[in-house]
Amino acid sequence: MKIYNKKNFRYGLGMTILGILMLLTSLWKGFDVKGTVILALCLFLGIGFLLRSLSREMSREDRIAELDERNKKVELRAKSRALGIAEMACFGCILVSIVGMRVMEEFFGGMLVAFGLMFAIMLLAELFTLLYYNRKL
């Protein structure tokens, strides 16, 4: 048995172990709907990744899909858009926290600090990556 795609093998092994641990926890504490759905997804996806990583043909298809320029462009655009949406959501939460400070100062003050920190980290990450790629290109 040879591993043809190590990255998929690690994902699959991690998800399968997580699913097994969730199964053991569910057996010990009891099953609930949300936990059972997550458990099933972890096990099915983990085993699927493991099988794909051990098959030569499926691993070859995965590598070709990874190297496809269109897939790379779609992934980059999706990540960029996700960062923009996260920034706007974080900014919205900052505004809600500022307004909420009038009602409950301690609770919304902590939220304001947390969301402010996240927003600053996102802006700095975007700035540094922009500077890096402007110099590189």
C-alpha atoms as a PDB file:
ATOM      1  CA  MET A   1       0.000   0.000   0.000  1.00  0.00           C
ATOM      2  CA  LYS A   2       1.591   3.225  -1.198  1.00  0.00           C
ATOM      3  CA  ILE A   3       0.532   6.781  -0.397  1.00  0.00           C
ATOM      4  CA  TYR A   4       0.323   8.763  -3.641  1.00  0.00           C
ATOM      5  CA  ASN A   5      -0.993  12.060  -2.256  1.00  0.00           C
ATOM      6  CA  LYS A   6       0.429  12.818   1.189  1.00  0.00           C
ATOM      7  CA  LYS A   7      -1.588  16.000   1.717  1.00  0.00           C
ATOM      8  CA  ASN A   8      -4.905  14.220   1.150  1.00  0.00           C
ATOM      9  CA  PHE A   9      -3.683  11.354   3.316  1.00  0.00           C
ATOM     10  CA  ARG A  10      -3.013  13.749   6.236  1.00  0.00           C
ATOM     11  CA  TYR A  11      -6.426  15.400   5.804  1.00  0.00           C
ATOM     12  CA  GLY A  12      -8.128  12.036   5.625  1.00  0.00           C
ATOM     13  CA  LEU A  13      -6.290  10.630   8.615  1.00  0.00           C
ATOM     14  CA  GLY A  14      -7.041  13.729  10.689  1.00  0.00           C
ATOM     15  CA  MET A  15     -10.724  13.748   9.781  1.00  0.00           C
ATOM     16  CA  THR A  16     -11.079  10.023  10.392  1.00  0.00           C
ATOM     17  CA  ILE A  17      -9.416  10.288  13.807  1.00  0.00           C
ATOM     18  CA  LEU A  18     -11.656  13.256  14.632  1.00  0.00           C
ATOM     19  CA  GLY A  19     -14.719  11.252  13.577  1.00  0.00           C
ATOM     20  CA  ILE A  20     -13.673   8.279  15.691  1.00  0.00           C
ATOM     21  CA  LEU A  21     -13.072  10.518  18.703  1.00  0.00           C
ATOM     22  CA  MET A  22     -16.488  12.109  18.192  1.00  0.00           C
ATOM     23  CA  LEU A  23     -18.044   8.653  17.958  1.00  0.00           C
ATOM     24  CA  LEU A  24     -16.430   7.603  21.236  1.00  0.00           C
ATOM     25  CA  THR A  25     -17.551  10.832  22.897  1.00  0.00           C
ATOM     26  CA  SER A  26     -21.089  10.363  21.580  1.00  0.00           C
ATOM     27  CA  LEU A  27     -21.186   6.802  22.880  1.00  0.00           C
ATOM     28  CA  TRP A  28     -20.030   8.023  26.278  1.00  0.00           C
ATOM     29  CA  LYS A  29     -22.211  11.155  26.615  1.00  0.00           C
ATOM     30  CA  GLY A  30     -25.088  10.403  24.248  1.00  0.00           C
ATOM     31  CA  PHE A  31     -25.943  11.243  20.664  1.00  0.00           C
ATOM     32  CA  ASP A  32     -27.446  14.508  19.452  1.00  0.00           C
ATOM     33  CA  VAL A  33     -28.480  15.489  15.935  1.00  0.00           C
ATOM     34  CA  LYS A  34     -25.781  18.098  15.264  1.00  0.00           C
ATOM     35  CA  GLY A  35     -22.986  15.918  16.640  1.00  0.00           C
ATOM     36  CA  THR A  36     -24.164  12.898  14.671  1.00  0.00           C
ATOM     37  CA  VAL A  37     -24.229  14.848  11.400  1.00  0.00           C
ATOM     38  CA  ILE A  38     -20.726  16.223  12.010  1.00  0.00           C
ATOM     39  CA  LEU A  39     -19.526  12.757  13.043  1.00  0.00           C
ATOM     40  CA  ALA A  40     -20.873  11.195   9.842  1.00  0.00           C
ATOM     41  CA  LEU A  41     -19.362  13.938   7.666  1.00  0.00           C
ATOM     42  CA  CYS A  42     -15.957  13.583   9.324  1.00  0.00           C
ATOM     43  CA  LEU A  43     -15.937   9.815   8.899  1.00  0.00           C
ATOM     44  CA  PHE A  44     -17.192   9.799   5.298  1.00  0.00           C
ATOM     45  CA  LEU A  45     -14.939  12.623   4.123  1.00  0.00           C
ATOM     46  CA  GLY A  46     -11.938  11.245   6.023  1.00  0.00           C
ATOM     47  CA  ILE A  47     -12.311   7.772   4.582  1.00  0.00           C
ATOM     48  CA  GLY A  48     -12.890   9.288   1.126  1.00  0.00           C
ATOM     49  CA  PHE A  49      -9.680  11.331   1.356  1.00  0.00           C
ATOM     50  CA  LEU A  50      -7.786   8.261   2.544  1.00  0.00           C
ATOM     51  CA  LEU A  51      -9.041   6.153  -0.356  1.00  0.00           C
ATOM     52  CA  ARG A  52      -8.241   8.895  -2.886  1.00  0.00           C
ATOM     53  CA  SER A  53      -4.724   9.265  -1.506  1.00  0.00           C
ATOM     54  CA  LEU A  54      -4.065   5.531  -1.790  1.00  0.00           C
ATOM     55  CA  SER A  55      -5.321   5.248  -5.393  1.00  0.00           C
ATOM     56  CA  ARG A  56      -2.854   6.115  -8.167  1.00  0.00           C
ATOM     57  CA  GLU A  57      -5.496   7.245 -10.678  1.00  0.00           C
ATOM     58  CA  MET A  58      -7.492   9.365  -8.242  1.00  0.00           C
ATOM     59  CA  SER A  59      -4.338  11.008  -6.880  1.00  0.00           C
ATOM     60  CA  ARG A  60      -3.278  11.851 -10.429  1.00  0.00           C
ATOM     61  CA  GLU A  61      -6.671  13.481 -11.066  1.00  0.00           C
ATOM     62  CA  ASP A  62      -6.333  15.492  -7.841  1.00  0.00           C
ATOM     63  CA  ARG A  63      -2.859  16.736  -8.804  1.00  0.00           C
ATOM     64  CA  ILE A  64      -4.053  17.781 -12.267  1.00  0.00           C
ATOM     65  CA  ALA A  65      -6.993  19.653 -10.706  1.00  0.00           C
ATOM     66  CA  GLU A  66      -4.615  21.382  -8.237  1.00  0.00           C
ATOM     67  CA  LEU A  67      -2.329  22.568 -11.029  1.00  0.00           C
ATOM     68  CA  ASP A  68      -5.128  23.834 -13.282  1.00  0.00           C
ATOM     69  CA  GLU A  69      -4.804  27.613 -13.715  1.00  0.00           C
ATOM     70  CA  ARG A  70      -8.542  28.214 -13.715  1.00  0.00           C
ATOM     71  CA  ASN A  71      -8.954  26.411 -10.390  1.00  0.00           C
ATOM     72  CA  LYS A  72      -6.116  28.463  -8.899  1.00  0.00           C
ATOM     73  CA  LYS A  73      -7.691  31.705 -10.096  1.00  0.00           C
ATOM     74  CA  VAL A  74     -11.101  30.736  -8.714  1.00  0.00           C
ATOM     75  CA  GLU A  75      -9.544  29.816  -5.364  1.00  0.00           C
ATOM     76  CA  LEU A  76      -7.621  33.104  -5.147  1.00  0.00           C
ATOM     77  CA  ARG A  77     -10.703  35.147  -6.008  1.00  0.00           C
ATOM     78  CA  ALA A  78     -12.816  33.236  -3.492  1.00  0.00           C
ATOM     79  CA  LYS A  79     -10.268  33.785  -0.715  1.00  0.00           C
ATOM     80  CA  SER A  80      -9.968  37.460  -1.576  1.00  0.00           C
ATOM     81  CA  ARG A  81     -13.745  37.900  -1.539  1.00  0.00           C
ATOM     82  CA  ALA A  82     -14.020  35.960   1.731  1.00  0.00           C
ATOM     83  CA  LEU A  83     -11.505  38.324   3.345  1.00  0.00           C
ATOM     84  CA  GLY A  84     -13.493  41.330   2.120  1.00  0.00           C
ATOM     85  CA  ILE A  85     -16.735  39.892   3.503  1.00  0.00           C
ATOM     86  CA  ALA A  86     -15.052  39.074   6.828  1.00  0.00           C
ATOM     87  CA  GLU A  87     -13.707  42.629   7.062  1.00  0.00           C
ATOM     88  CA  MET A  88     -17.152  44.115   6.447  1.00  0.00           C
ATOM     89  CA  ALA A  89     -18.790  41.755   8.964  1.00  0.00           C
ATOM     90  CA  CYS A  90     -16.141  42.605  11.555  1.00  0.00           C
ATOM     91  CA  PHE A  91     -16.621  46.329  10.923  1.00  0.00           C
ATOM     92  CA  GLY A  92     -20.381  45.889  11.306  1.00  0.00           C
ATOM     93  CA  CYS A  93     -19.837  44.115  14.623  1.00  0.00           C
ATOM     94  CA  ILE A  94     -17.602  47.001  15.736  1.00  0.00           C
ATOM     95  CA  LEU A  95     -20.404  49.458  14.974  1.00  0.00           C
ATOM     96  CA  VAL A  96     -22.949  47.328  16.852  1.00  0.00           C
ATOM     97  CA  SER A  97     -20.553  47.116  19.799  1.00  0.00           C
ATOM     98  CA  ILE A  98     -20.116  50.888  19.856  1.00  0.00           C
ATOM     99  CA  VAL A  99     -23.895  51.381  19.935  1.00  0.00           C
ATOM    100  CA  GLY A 100     -24.307  48.592  22.506  1.00  0.00           C
ATOM    101  CA  MET A 101     -21.824  50.207  24.876  1.00  0.00           C
ATOM    102  CA  ARG A 102     -24.657  52.499  25.975  1.00  0.00           C
ATOM    103  CA  VAL A 103     -26.673  49.504  27.217  1.00  0.00           C
ATOM    104  CA  MET A 104     -24.102  47.095  28.668  1.00  0.00           C
ATOM    105  CA  GLU A 105     -20.684  48.664  28.912  1.00  0.00           C
ATOM    106  CA  GLU A 106     -18.684  45.634  30.104  1.00  0.00           C
ATOM    107  CA  PHE A 107     -20.064  43.096  27.633  1.00  0.00           C
ATOM    108  CA  PHE A 108     -19.971  45.285  24.547  1.00  0.00           C
ATOM    109  CA  GLY A 109     -16.656  46.823  25.602  1.00  0.00           C
ATOM    110  CA  GLY A 110     -15.026  43.397  25.476  1.00  0.00           C
ATOM    111  CA  MET A 111     -16.645  42.677  22.140  1.00  0.00           C
ATOM    112  CA  LEU A 112     -15.427  46.023  20.808  1.00  0.00           C
ATOM    113  CA  VAL A 113     -11.855  45.227  21.793  1.00  0.00           C
ATOM    114  CA  ALA A 114     -12.032  41.714  20.296  1.00  0.00           C
ATOM    115  CA  PHE A 115     -13.575  42.788  16.999  1.00  0.00           C
ATOM    116  CA  GLY A 116     -11.254  45.790  16.799  1.00  0.00           C
ATOM    117  CA  LEU A 117      -8.254  43.516  17.199  1.00  0.00           C
ATOM    118  CA  MET A 118      -9.534  41.100  14.538  1.00  0.00           C
ATOM    119  CA  PHE A 119     -10.249  43.980  12.158  1.00  0.00           C
ATOM    120  CA  ALA A 120      -6.770  45.421  12.679  1.00  0.00           C
ATOM    121  CA  ILE A 121      -5.140  42.017  12.076  1.00  0.00           C
ATOM    122  CA  MET A 122      -7.129  41.544   8.860  1.00  0.00           C
ATOM    123  CA  LEU A 123      -6.189  45.005   7.588  1.00  0.00           C
ATOM    124  CA  LEU A 124      -2.516  44.502   8.452  1.00  0.00           C
ATOM    125  CA  ALA A 125      -2.457  41.076   6.796  1.00  0.00           C
ATOM    126  CA  GLU A 126      -4.004  42.534   3.661  1.00  0.00           C
ATOM    127  CA  LEU A 127      -1.538  45.447   3.677  1.00  0.00           C
ATOM    128  CA  PHE A 128       1.535  43.240   4.125  1.00  0.00           C
ATOM    129  CA  THR A 129       0.468  40.779   1.425  1.00  0.00           C
ATOM    130  CA  LEU A 130      -0.234  43.675  -0.924  1.00  0.00           C
ATOM    131  CA  LEU A 131       3.223  45.132  -0.284  1.00  0.00           C
ATOM    132  CA  TYR A 132       4.854  41.727  -0.693  1.00  0.00           C
ATOM    133  CA  TYR A 133       3.219  40.957  -4.020  1.00  0.00           C
ATOM    134  CA  ASN A 134       3.787  44.480  -5.366  1.00  0.00           C
ATOM    135  CA  ARG A 135       7.515  44.053  -4.752  1.00  0.00           C
ATOM    136  CA  LYS A 136       7.572  40.509  -6.097  1.00  0.00           C
ATOM    137  CA  LEU A 137       5.854  41.349  -9.378  1.00  0.00           C
END
